[in-house]
N, C-alpha and C. Protein backbone atom coordinates (compact mmCIF):
# COMPACT_ATOMS: atom_id res chain seq x y z
N MET A 1 -39.01 131.84 -36.12
CA MET A 1 -39.00 133.15 -36.77
C MET A 1 -38.53 132.95 -38.21
N SER A 2 -39.24 133.55 -39.13
CA SER A 2 -38.90 133.37 -40.54
C SER A 2 -37.66 134.17 -40.93
N GLU A 3 -37.04 133.73 -42.00
CA GLU A 3 -35.85 134.42 -42.51
C GLU A 3 -36.19 135.86 -42.90
N LEU A 4 -37.35 136.04 -43.52
CA LEU A 4 -37.77 137.39 -43.93
C LEU A 4 -37.96 138.29 -42.72
N LEU A 5 -38.59 137.77 -41.69
CA LEU A 5 -38.80 138.56 -40.47
C LEU A 5 -37.46 138.95 -39.86
N GLU A 6 -36.54 138.01 -39.76
CA GLU A 6 -35.21 138.31 -39.23
C GLU A 6 -34.51 139.38 -40.06
N ARG A 7 -34.60 139.25 -41.38
CA ARG A 7 -33.95 140.21 -42.28
C ARG A 7 -34.54 141.61 -42.09
N ILE A 8 -35.85 141.69 -41.99
CA ILE A 8 -36.50 143.00 -41.85
C ILE A 8 -36.21 143.60 -40.48
N GLN A 9 -36.21 142.79 -39.43
CA GLN A 9 -35.87 143.31 -38.10
C GLN A 9 -34.43 143.80 -38.06
N HIS A 10 -33.53 143.09 -38.71
CA HIS A 10 -32.13 143.53 -38.78
C HIS A 10 -32.04 144.85 -39.54
N ALA A 11 -32.75 144.93 -40.65
CA ALA A 11 -32.77 146.18 -41.43
C ALA A 11 -33.36 147.31 -40.61
N ASN A 12 -34.40 147.03 -39.84
CA ASN A 12 -35.02 148.07 -39.01
C ASN A 12 -34.05 148.61 -37.97
N ARG A 13 -33.25 147.73 -37.39
CA ARG A 13 -32.25 148.20 -36.40
C ARG A 13 -31.25 149.13 -37.08
N ASN A 14 -30.72 148.70 -38.23
CA ASN A 14 -29.73 149.52 -38.93
C ASN A 14 -30.33 150.83 -39.44
N LEU A 15 -31.53 150.76 -40.00
CA LEU A 15 -32.18 151.99 -40.48
C LEU A 15 -32.52 152.93 -39.33
N GLY A 16 -32.94 152.34 -38.21
CA GLY A 16 -33.24 153.17 -37.03
C GLY A 16 -32.02 153.93 -36.55
N GLN A 17 -30.87 153.26 -36.53
CA GLN A 17 -29.63 153.93 -36.12
C GLN A 17 -29.26 155.04 -37.11
N LEU A 18 -29.44 154.77 -38.38
CA LEU A 18 -29.13 155.78 -39.39
C LEU A 18 -30.06 156.98 -39.25
N VAL A 19 -31.34 156.74 -39.03
CA VAL A 19 -32.30 157.84 -38.85
C VAL A 19 -31.91 158.67 -37.63
N GLU A 20 -31.50 158.01 -36.56
CA GLU A 20 -31.07 158.74 -35.36
C GLU A 20 -29.88 159.64 -35.67
N MET A 21 -28.91 159.10 -36.39
CA MET A 21 -27.72 159.90 -36.73
C MET A 21 -28.07 161.05 -37.65
N LEU A 22 -28.93 160.80 -38.63
CA LEU A 22 -29.31 161.87 -39.56
C LEU A 22 -30.17 162.93 -38.88
N SER A 23 -30.93 162.52 -37.88
CA SER A 23 -31.81 163.46 -37.19
C SER A 23 -31.06 164.36 -36.22
N ALA A 24 -29.90 163.92 -35.78
CA ALA A 24 -29.11 164.72 -34.84
C ALA A 24 -28.63 165.98 -35.55
N ASN A 25 -28.45 167.05 -34.79
CA ASN A 25 -28.01 168.33 -35.37
C ASN A 25 -26.70 168.21 -36.11
N ASP A 26 -25.81 167.38 -35.61
CA ASP A 26 -24.52 167.22 -36.26
C ASP A 26 -24.46 165.92 -37.06
N GLY A 27 -25.61 165.43 -37.46
CA GLY A 27 -25.69 164.15 -38.15
C GLY A 27 -24.81 164.04 -39.37
N CYS A 28 -24.67 165.11 -40.11
CA CYS A 28 -23.90 165.00 -41.34
C CYS A 28 -22.42 164.76 -41.05
N ILE A 29 -21.97 165.16 -39.91
CA ILE A 29 -20.56 164.94 -39.58
C ILE A 29 -20.35 163.48 -39.17
N ARG A 30 -21.36 162.87 -38.57
CA ARG A 30 -21.22 161.52 -38.07
C ARG A 30 -21.51 160.45 -39.12
N ILE A 31 -22.10 160.80 -40.22
CA ILE A 31 -22.41 159.83 -41.27
C ILE A 31 -21.16 159.56 -42.08
N THR A 32 -20.85 158.29 -42.25
CA THR A 32 -19.66 157.91 -43.01
C THR A 32 -20.08 157.15 -44.27
N PRO A 33 -19.17 156.97 -45.19
CA PRO A 33 -19.50 156.14 -46.36
C PRO A 33 -19.92 154.72 -45.95
N GLU A 34 -19.38 154.23 -44.84
CA GLU A 34 -19.76 152.90 -44.37
C GLU A 34 -21.23 152.87 -43.98
N HIS A 35 -21.72 153.95 -43.34
CA HIS A 35 -23.13 154.02 -42.98
C HIS A 35 -24.01 153.97 -44.23
N LEU A 36 -23.63 154.72 -45.23
CA LEU A 36 -24.40 154.73 -46.47
C LEU A 36 -24.33 153.38 -47.17
N SER A 37 -23.20 152.72 -47.08
CA SER A 37 -23.06 151.39 -47.65
C SER A 37 -23.97 150.40 -46.94
N ILE A 38 -24.05 150.50 -45.63
CA ILE A 38 -24.94 149.64 -44.86
C ILE A 38 -26.38 149.87 -45.26
N LEU A 39 -26.75 151.13 -45.41
CA LEU A 39 -28.11 151.47 -45.84
C LEU A 39 -28.43 150.81 -47.18
N LEU A 40 -27.55 150.98 -48.13
CA LEU A 40 -27.78 150.41 -49.46
C LEU A 40 -27.86 148.89 -49.40
N SER A 41 -26.96 148.26 -48.66
CA SER A 41 -26.98 146.80 -48.61
C SER A 41 -28.25 146.30 -47.92
N GLU A 42 -28.73 146.99 -46.90
CA GLU A 42 -29.97 146.58 -46.24
C GLU A 42 -31.15 146.69 -47.20
N LEU A 43 -31.21 147.78 -47.93
CA LEU A 43 -32.30 147.96 -48.88
C LEU A 43 -32.27 146.88 -49.96
N LEU A 44 -31.07 146.56 -50.44
CA LEU A 44 -30.95 145.54 -51.47
C LEU A 44 -31.31 144.15 -50.94
N ARG A 45 -30.85 143.83 -49.74
CA ARG A 45 -31.13 142.51 -49.17
C ARG A 45 -32.63 142.30 -48.95
N VAL A 46 -33.27 143.30 -48.35
CA VAL A 46 -34.71 143.16 -48.11
C VAL A 46 -35.44 143.10 -49.44
N GLY A 47 -35.06 143.96 -50.37
CA GLY A 47 -35.72 143.96 -51.68
C GLY A 47 -35.58 142.64 -52.39
N GLU A 48 -34.37 142.08 -52.39
CA GLU A 48 -34.16 140.78 -53.03
C GLU A 48 -34.97 139.68 -52.36
N ARG A 49 -35.00 139.71 -51.03
CA ARG A 49 -35.73 138.67 -50.29
C ARG A 49 -37.23 138.77 -50.56
N VAL A 50 -37.76 139.99 -50.60
CA VAL A 50 -39.18 140.17 -50.86
C VAL A 50 -39.52 139.75 -52.29
N GLN A 51 -38.66 140.11 -53.23
CA GLN A 51 -38.92 139.74 -54.62
C GLN A 51 -38.84 138.24 -54.84
N SER A 52 -37.90 137.59 -54.20
CA SER A 52 -37.73 136.15 -54.44
C SER A 52 -38.79 135.31 -53.73
N GLY A 53 -39.21 135.73 -52.55
CA GLY A 53 -40.12 134.88 -51.78
C GLY A 53 -41.48 135.47 -51.52
N GLY A 54 -41.69 136.71 -51.90
CA GLY A 54 -42.98 137.34 -51.60
C GLY A 54 -43.13 137.61 -50.12
N ILE A 55 -44.28 138.14 -49.75
CA ILE A 55 -44.55 138.47 -48.36
C ILE A 55 -45.78 137.71 -47.91
N PRO A 56 -45.61 136.78 -46.96
CA PRO A 56 -46.78 136.09 -46.44
C PRO A 56 -47.65 137.07 -45.63
N GLU A 57 -48.92 137.07 -45.92
CA GLU A 57 -49.81 138.05 -45.28
C GLU A 57 -50.45 137.55 -44.00
N THR A 58 -50.07 136.36 -43.56
CA THR A 58 -50.72 135.78 -42.38
C THR A 58 -49.91 135.95 -41.10
N ASP A 59 -48.74 136.52 -41.17
CA ASP A 59 -47.86 136.65 -40.00
C ASP A 59 -48.00 138.05 -39.41
N PRO A 60 -48.64 138.19 -38.25
CA PRO A 60 -48.84 139.52 -37.67
C PRO A 60 -47.52 140.19 -37.24
N GLU A 61 -46.57 139.39 -36.78
CA GLU A 61 -45.26 139.94 -36.38
C GLU A 61 -44.53 140.51 -37.59
N LEU A 62 -44.64 139.82 -38.71
CA LEU A 62 -44.04 140.30 -39.95
C LEU A 62 -44.72 141.57 -40.42
N SER A 63 -46.02 141.65 -40.28
CA SER A 63 -46.76 142.85 -40.67
C SER A 63 -46.30 144.07 -39.87
N VAL A 64 -46.07 143.88 -38.58
CA VAL A 64 -45.58 144.97 -37.73
C VAL A 64 -44.18 145.39 -38.16
N ALA A 65 -43.33 144.40 -38.41
CA ALA A 65 -41.95 144.71 -38.83
C ALA A 65 -41.95 145.43 -40.18
N LEU A 66 -42.78 145.01 -41.10
CA LEU A 66 -42.87 145.68 -42.40
C LEU A 66 -43.39 147.10 -42.27
N HIS A 67 -44.36 147.29 -41.39
CA HIS A 67 -44.88 148.65 -41.16
C HIS A 67 -43.78 149.55 -40.61
N GLN A 68 -43.00 149.04 -39.67
CA GLN A 68 -41.89 149.82 -39.12
C GLN A 68 -40.85 150.10 -40.20
N TYR A 69 -40.58 149.10 -41.03
CA TYR A 69 -39.62 149.26 -42.13
C TYR A 69 -40.06 150.38 -43.07
N ARG A 70 -41.34 150.38 -43.44
CA ARG A 70 -41.85 151.44 -44.33
C ARG A 70 -41.73 152.81 -43.68
N LYS A 71 -42.05 152.90 -42.39
CA LYS A 71 -41.95 154.19 -41.67
C LYS A 71 -40.50 154.67 -41.65
N LEU A 72 -39.57 153.75 -41.40
CA LEU A 72 -38.16 154.14 -41.38
C LEU A 72 -37.69 154.59 -42.76
N LEU A 73 -38.15 153.91 -43.81
CA LEU A 73 -37.79 154.33 -45.17
C LEU A 73 -38.33 155.72 -45.47
N GLU A 74 -39.53 156.00 -45.01
CA GLU A 74 -40.10 157.35 -45.20
C GLU A 74 -39.27 158.39 -44.46
N GLN A 75 -38.82 158.05 -43.26
CA GLN A 75 -37.99 158.98 -42.50
C GLN A 75 -36.66 159.22 -43.21
N VAL A 76 -36.05 158.15 -43.72
CA VAL A 76 -34.79 158.29 -44.46
C VAL A 76 -35.02 159.18 -45.68
N ARG A 77 -36.09 158.92 -46.41
CA ARG A 77 -36.42 159.73 -47.59
C ARG A 77 -36.55 161.22 -47.23
N ASP A 78 -37.23 161.49 -46.11
CA ASP A 78 -37.41 162.87 -45.68
C ASP A 78 -36.11 163.53 -45.25
N LEU A 79 -35.16 162.73 -44.78
CA LEU A 79 -33.88 163.27 -44.30
C LEU A 79 -32.84 163.40 -45.41
N LEU A 80 -33.08 162.80 -46.57
CA LEU A 80 -32.09 162.84 -47.65
C LEU A 80 -31.72 164.25 -48.12
N PRO A 81 -32.67 165.18 -48.24
CA PRO A 81 -32.25 166.53 -48.65
C PRO A 81 -31.27 167.19 -47.67
N SER A 82 -31.48 166.98 -46.37
CA SER A 82 -30.54 167.57 -45.41
C SER A 82 -29.20 166.85 -45.48
N LEU A 83 -29.21 165.55 -45.73
CA LEU A 83 -27.96 164.83 -45.90
C LEU A 83 -27.21 165.34 -47.13
N GLN A 84 -27.94 165.56 -48.21
CA GLN A 84 -27.30 166.09 -49.41
C GLN A 84 -26.69 167.46 -49.15
N ALA A 85 -27.40 168.31 -48.42
CA ALA A 85 -26.86 169.63 -48.08
C ALA A 85 -25.60 169.50 -47.25
N CYS A 86 -25.59 168.59 -46.29
CA CYS A 86 -24.40 168.37 -45.47
C CYS A 86 -23.23 167.90 -46.32
N LEU A 87 -23.51 166.97 -47.24
CA LEU A 87 -22.44 166.45 -48.08
C LEU A 87 -21.89 167.53 -49.01
N LEU A 88 -22.76 168.37 -49.53
CA LEU A 88 -22.29 169.47 -50.39
C LEU A 88 -21.47 170.48 -49.59
N THR A 89 -21.89 170.74 -48.37
CA THR A 89 -21.14 171.65 -47.49
C THR A 89 -19.77 171.07 -47.18
N GLU A 90 -19.74 169.77 -46.88
CA GLU A 90 -18.46 169.12 -46.59
C GLU A 90 -17.55 169.11 -47.81
N ARG A 91 -18.12 168.90 -48.98
CA ARG A 91 -17.31 168.93 -50.20
C ARG A 91 -16.72 170.32 -50.41
N ALA A 92 -17.51 171.36 -50.18
CA ALA A 92 -17.00 172.73 -50.32
C ALA A 92 -15.89 173.00 -49.31
N ARG A 93 -16.07 172.50 -48.08
CA ARG A 93 -15.04 172.69 -47.05
C ARG A 93 -13.75 171.97 -47.45
N LEU A 94 -13.87 170.77 -47.97
CA LEU A 94 -12.68 170.03 -48.39
C LEU A 94 -12.00 170.69 -49.59
N GLU A 95 -12.78 171.22 -50.51
CA GLU A 95 -12.21 171.93 -51.66
C GLU A 95 -11.44 173.17 -51.19
N ALA A 96 -12.01 173.91 -50.24
CA ALA A 96 -11.34 175.09 -49.70
C ALA A 96 -10.05 174.70 -48.99
N GLU A 97 -10.10 173.60 -48.25
CA GLU A 97 -8.90 173.11 -47.55
C GLU A 97 -7.83 172.68 -48.55
N ARG A 98 -8.25 172.00 -49.60
CA ARG A 98 -7.30 171.57 -50.63
C ARG A 98 -6.66 172.79 -51.31
N SER A 99 -7.48 173.78 -51.60
CA SER A 99 -6.96 174.99 -52.22
C SER A 99 -5.96 175.69 -51.31
N HIS A 100 -6.29 175.73 -50.03
CA HIS A 100 -5.39 176.36 -49.06
C HIS A 100 -4.07 175.59 -48.99
N LEU A 101 -4.14 174.26 -48.96
CA LEU A 101 -2.92 173.45 -48.91
C LEU A 101 -2.08 173.60 -50.18
N GLU A 102 -2.74 173.69 -51.31
CA GLU A 102 -2.00 173.89 -52.56
C GLU A 102 -1.30 175.24 -52.56
N ALA A 103 -1.98 176.28 -52.06
CA ALA A 103 -1.37 177.60 -51.99
C ALA A 103 -0.19 177.61 -51.01
N ALA A 104 -0.36 176.93 -49.87
CA ALA A 104 0.73 176.85 -48.89
C ALA A 104 1.91 176.08 -49.46
N HIS A 105 1.62 175.02 -50.20
CA HIS A 105 2.69 174.24 -50.83
C HIS A 105 3.43 175.09 -51.86
N ALA A 106 2.68 175.82 -52.67
CA ALA A 106 3.31 176.67 -53.68
C ALA A 106 4.15 177.75 -53.02
N TRP A 107 3.66 178.33 -51.93
CA TRP A 107 4.43 179.35 -51.21
C TRP A 107 5.70 178.74 -50.65
N ALA A 108 5.59 177.55 -50.06
CA ALA A 108 6.76 176.91 -49.46
C ALA A 108 7.77 176.57 -50.54
N GLU A 109 7.31 176.09 -51.69
CA GLU A 109 8.22 175.80 -52.80
C GLU A 109 8.91 177.08 -53.26
N GLY A 110 8.14 178.14 -53.39
CA GLY A 110 8.69 179.42 -53.85
C GLY A 110 9.68 179.99 -52.87
N SER A 111 9.39 179.88 -51.59
CA SER A 111 10.30 180.47 -50.60
C SER A 111 11.57 179.64 -50.46
N SER A 112 11.51 178.34 -50.74
CA SER A 112 12.73 177.53 -50.64
C SER A 112 13.65 177.80 -51.84
N TYR A 113 13.10 178.20 -52.98
CA TYR A 113 13.94 178.52 -54.15
C TYR A 113 14.60 179.87 -54.00
N SER A 114 14.00 180.77 -53.24
CA SER A 114 14.56 182.11 -53.15
C SER A 114 15.65 182.18 -52.08
N ARG A 115 15.94 181.13 -51.42
CA ARG A 115 17.02 181.15 -50.41
C ARG A 115 18.33 180.74 -50.95
């Protein structure tokens, strides 16, 4: 098995898991920065390998793996807007929580001075 084939099959497994998580109704809650880091590193590794060595067109197993890789990339691309919406929603929730904690802290500070 060629190094390129192994790399693409590994990327396909990781991308497939990411697509599954993003496709789930609660996918945005389950996606972590580590998942996004894995996605980026897989894309970079495959891209570097393809650029440095090219793609042999005579390997049918490699052709299948590349076809699956392209399909998974298309799925990730299609899911990115919903991921962005989830991340923006989570950022708004965290901002509201921070604001609430700051207000509670200010109240606690104020009430301790008045005693």
